[in-house]
């Protein structure tokens, strides 16, 4: 959801994000599927590089503040 938010804010289409980041469009589109829960950090890093943001900036979004702890 964070990449959806950033793309919407910047007016970037998913194909553009793929091109900017050096990943395939199918990778970006499959990642945008809300049912998908496991995304490798190397893909997140490439997308952040393409958007010219750090991993810290990416994970500082309020969407991550609302996540519940997975292991209790």
N, C-alpha and C. Protein backbone atom coordinates (compact mmCIF):
# COMPACT_ATOMS: atom_id res chain seq x y z
N UNK A 1 0.82 -1.20 0.00
CA UNK A 1 0.00 0.00 0.00
C UNK A 1 0.87 1.27 0.00
N UNK A 2 2.05 1.19 0.58
CA UNK A 2 2.91 2.37 0.63
C UNK A 2 3.34 2.78 -0.77
N UNK A 3 3.68 1.82 -1.62
CA UNK A 3 4.07 2.17 -2.99
C UNK A 3 2.88 2.72 -3.77
N UNK A 4 1.71 2.21 -3.52
CA UNK A 4 0.50 2.74 -4.16
C UNK A 4 0.35 4.21 -3.78
N UNK A 5 0.53 4.51 -2.51
CA UNK A 5 0.41 5.87 -2.01
C UNK A 5 1.44 6.80 -2.66
N UNK A 6 2.69 6.36 -2.68
CA UNK A 6 3.75 7.20 -3.25
C UNK A 6 3.52 7.43 -4.74
N UNK A 7 3.13 6.39 -5.46
CA UNK A 7 2.87 6.54 -6.90
C UNK A 7 1.72 7.51 -7.14
N UNK A 8 0.68 7.42 -6.34
CA UNK A 8 -0.46 8.33 -6.49
C UNK A 8 -0.04 9.77 -6.20
N UNK A 9 0.73 9.97 -5.14
CA UNK A 9 1.18 11.32 -4.79
C UNK A 9 2.03 11.95 -5.89
N UNK A 10 2.84 11.13 -6.55
CA UNK A 10 3.77 11.63 -7.56
C UNK A 10 3.25 11.50 -8.98
N UNK A 11 2.06 10.91 -9.14
CA UNK A 11 1.50 10.73 -10.47
C UNK A 11 2.30 9.76 -11.32
N UNK A 12 2.82 8.73 -10.69
CA UNK A 12 3.65 7.73 -11.38
C UNK A 12 2.81 6.49 -11.63
N UNK A 13 2.85 6.02 -12.87
CA UNK A 13 2.17 4.77 -13.22
C UNK A 13 3.08 3.60 -12.85
N UNK A 14 2.48 2.44 -12.64
CA UNK A 14 3.25 1.28 -12.21
C UNK A 14 4.31 0.88 -13.24
N UNK A 15 4.00 1.01 -14.52
CA UNK A 15 5.00 0.72 -15.56
C UNK A 15 6.18 1.68 -15.45
N UNK A 16 5.90 2.93 -15.15
CA UNK A 16 6.98 3.91 -14.97
C UNK A 16 7.85 3.54 -13.77
N UNK A 17 7.20 3.15 -12.68
CA UNK A 17 7.95 2.75 -11.48
C UNK A 17 8.87 1.58 -11.81
N UNK A 18 8.37 0.62 -12.56
CA UNK A 18 9.19 -0.52 -12.95
C UNK A 18 10.40 -0.07 -13.76
N UNK A 19 10.18 0.78 -14.73
CA UNK A 19 11.27 1.27 -15.57
C UNK A 19 12.29 2.06 -14.75
N UNK A 20 11.80 2.93 -13.88
CA UNK A 20 12.69 3.74 -13.04
C UNK A 20 13.52 2.89 -12.10
N UNK A 21 13.00 1.74 -11.72
CA UNK A 21 13.62 0.91 -10.70
C UNK A 21 14.40 -0.28 -11.24
N UNK A 22 14.25 -0.55 -12.51
CA UNK A 22 14.97 -1.66 -13.11
C UNK A 22 14.39 -3.02 -12.76
N UNK A 23 13.08 -3.06 -12.50
CA UNK A 23 12.41 -4.32 -12.26
C UNK A 23 11.35 -4.51 -13.34
N UNK A 24 10.85 -5.72 -13.47
CA UNK A 24 9.85 -5.96 -14.50
C UNK A 24 8.50 -5.40 -14.07
N UNK A 25 7.69 -4.98 -15.03
CA UNK A 25 6.34 -4.52 -14.70
C UNK A 25 5.53 -5.58 -13.97
N UNK A 26 5.73 -6.86 -14.33
CA UNK A 26 4.97 -7.92 -13.66
C UNK A 26 5.33 -7.99 -12.17
N UNK A 27 6.56 -7.68 -11.82
CA UNK A 27 6.96 -7.65 -10.41
C UNK A 27 6.20 -6.56 -9.68
N UNK A 28 6.13 -5.37 -10.28
CA UNK A 28 5.42 -4.26 -9.65
C UNK A 28 3.94 -4.56 -9.54
N UNK A 29 3.33 -5.03 -10.61
CA UNK A 29 1.89 -5.30 -10.58
C UNK A 29 1.54 -6.40 -9.58
N UNK A 30 2.35 -7.44 -9.51
CA UNK A 30 2.05 -8.51 -8.55
C UNK A 30 2.23 -8.02 -7.12
N UNK A 31 3.16 -7.12 -6.91
CA UNK A 31 3.39 -6.56 -5.59
C UNK A 31 2.22 -5.69 -5.14
N UNK A 32 1.53 -5.08 -6.06
CA UNK A 32 0.41 -4.21 -5.73
C UNK A 32 -0.85 -4.99 -5.36
N UNK A 33 -0.81 -6.30 -5.54
CA UNK A 33 -1.93 -7.16 -5.16
C UNK A 33 -2.00 -7.23 -3.64
N UNK A 34 -3.09 -6.78 -3.05
CA UNK A 34 -3.23 -6.71 -1.60
C UNK A 34 -3.14 -8.08 -0.93
N UNK A 35 -3.40 -9.13 -1.67
CA UNK A 35 -3.34 -10.47 -1.09
C UNK A 35 -1.91 -10.96 -0.91
N UNK A 36 -1.00 -10.32 -1.61
CA UNK A 36 0.42 -10.73 -1.53
C UNK A 36 1.03 -10.15 -0.26
N UNK A 37 1.59 -10.99 0.55
CA UNK A 37 2.13 -10.55 1.84
C UNK A 37 3.65 -10.58 1.90
N UNK A 38 4.30 -11.34 1.04
CA UNK A 38 5.74 -11.53 1.13
C UNK A 38 6.43 -10.87 -0.06
N UNK A 39 7.15 -9.81 0.24
CA UNK A 39 7.90 -9.09 -0.79
C UNK A 39 9.34 -9.02 -0.30
N UNK A 40 10.26 -9.39 -1.14
CA UNK A 40 11.67 -9.39 -0.75
C UNK A 40 12.19 -7.96 -0.60
N UNK A 41 13.05 -7.79 0.39
CA UNK A 41 13.59 -6.47 0.68
C UNK A 41 14.42 -5.93 -0.49
N UNK A 42 15.05 -6.81 -1.27
CA UNK A 42 15.83 -6.33 -2.40
C UNK A 42 14.94 -5.67 -3.45
N UNK A 43 13.71 -6.14 -3.61
CA UNK A 43 12.77 -5.50 -4.54
C UNK A 43 12.33 -4.15 -3.96
N UNK A 44 12.04 -4.11 -2.68
CA UNK A 44 11.66 -2.85 -2.04
C UNK A 44 12.79 -1.84 -2.20
N UNK A 45 14.03 -2.27 -2.00
CA UNK A 45 15.18 -1.37 -2.13
C UNK A 45 15.30 -0.83 -3.55
N UNK A 46 15.12 -1.69 -4.55
CA UNK A 46 15.20 -1.23 -5.95
C UNK A 46 14.11 -0.20 -6.24
N UNK A 47 12.91 -0.45 -5.76
CA UNK A 47 11.82 0.50 -5.99
C UNK A 47 12.09 1.82 -5.28
N UNK A 48 12.62 1.74 -4.07
CA UNK A 48 12.97 2.97 -3.36
C UNK A 48 14.05 3.74 -4.11
N UNK A 49 15.06 3.02 -4.62
CA UNK A 49 16.11 3.67 -5.41
C UNK A 49 15.50 4.37 -6.63
N UNK A 50 14.57 3.69 -7.29
CA UNK A 50 13.92 4.29 -8.45
C UNK A 50 13.13 5.54 -8.10
N UNK A 51 12.57 5.55 -6.91
CA UNK A 51 11.80 6.72 -6.45
C UNK A 51 12.69 7.77 -5.77
N UNK A 52 13.97 7.45 -5.65
CA UNK A 52 14.95 8.34 -5.01
C UNK A 52 14.57 8.62 -3.56
N UNK A 53 14.18 7.55 -2.85
CA UNK A 53 13.92 7.67 -1.42
C UNK A 53 14.68 6.56 -0.70
N UNK A 54 14.99 6.80 0.56
CA UNK A 54 15.70 5.79 1.34
C UNK A 54 14.71 4.78 1.91
N UNK A 55 15.23 3.65 2.35
CA UNK A 55 14.38 2.67 3.01
C UNK A 55 13.77 3.27 4.27
N UNK A 56 14.53 4.10 4.97
CA UNK A 56 14.01 4.76 6.19
C UNK A 56 12.82 5.65 5.85
N UNK A 57 12.91 6.40 4.76
CA UNK A 57 11.79 7.25 4.34
C UNK A 57 10.58 6.40 3.98
N UNK A 58 10.82 5.31 3.27
CA UNK A 58 9.73 4.43 2.87
C UNK A 58 9.00 3.87 4.09
N UNK A 59 9.76 3.35 5.03
CA UNK A 59 9.15 2.71 6.19
C UNK A 59 8.68 3.69 7.26
N UNK A 60 8.91 4.98 7.05
CA UNK A 60 8.45 5.97 8.03
C UNK A 60 7.01 6.40 7.78
N UNK A 61 6.37 5.85 6.78
CA UNK A 61 4.98 6.20 6.49
C UNK A 61 4.05 5.74 7.58
N UNK A 62 2.97 6.48 7.82
CA UNK A 62 2.03 6.14 8.89
C UNK A 62 1.38 4.77 8.72
N UNK A 63 1.38 4.24 7.51
CA UNK A 63 0.79 2.92 7.29
C UNK A 63 1.49 1.85 8.12
N UNK A 64 2.79 2.05 8.39
CA UNK A 64 3.54 1.07 9.16
C UNK A 64 3.32 1.23 10.67
N UNK A 65 2.88 2.39 11.09
CA UNK A 65 2.61 2.62 12.50
C UNK A 65 1.39 1.82 12.98
N UNK A 66 0.51 1.50 12.07
CA UNK A 66 -0.73 0.79 12.44
C UNK A 66 -0.61 -0.73 12.37
N UNK A 67 0.50 -1.24 11.95
CA UNK A 67 0.67 -2.68 11.84
C UNK A 67 0.73 -3.32 13.23
N UNK A 68 0.07 -4.45 13.33
CA UNK A 68 0.12 -5.20 14.58
C UNK A 68 1.32 -6.11 14.59
N UNK A 69 1.82 -6.41 15.76
CA UNK A 69 2.96 -7.30 15.89
C UNK A 69 2.56 -8.70 15.43
N UNK A 70 3.39 -9.32 14.62
CA UNK A 70 3.11 -10.65 14.06
C UNK A 70 3.32 -11.77 15.08
N UNK A 71 4.35 -11.63 15.88
CA UNK A 71 4.69 -12.68 16.85
C UNK A 71 4.46 -12.13 18.25
N UNK A 72 3.76 -12.89 19.04
CA UNK A 72 3.49 -12.45 20.42
C UNK A 72 4.03 -13.44 21.40
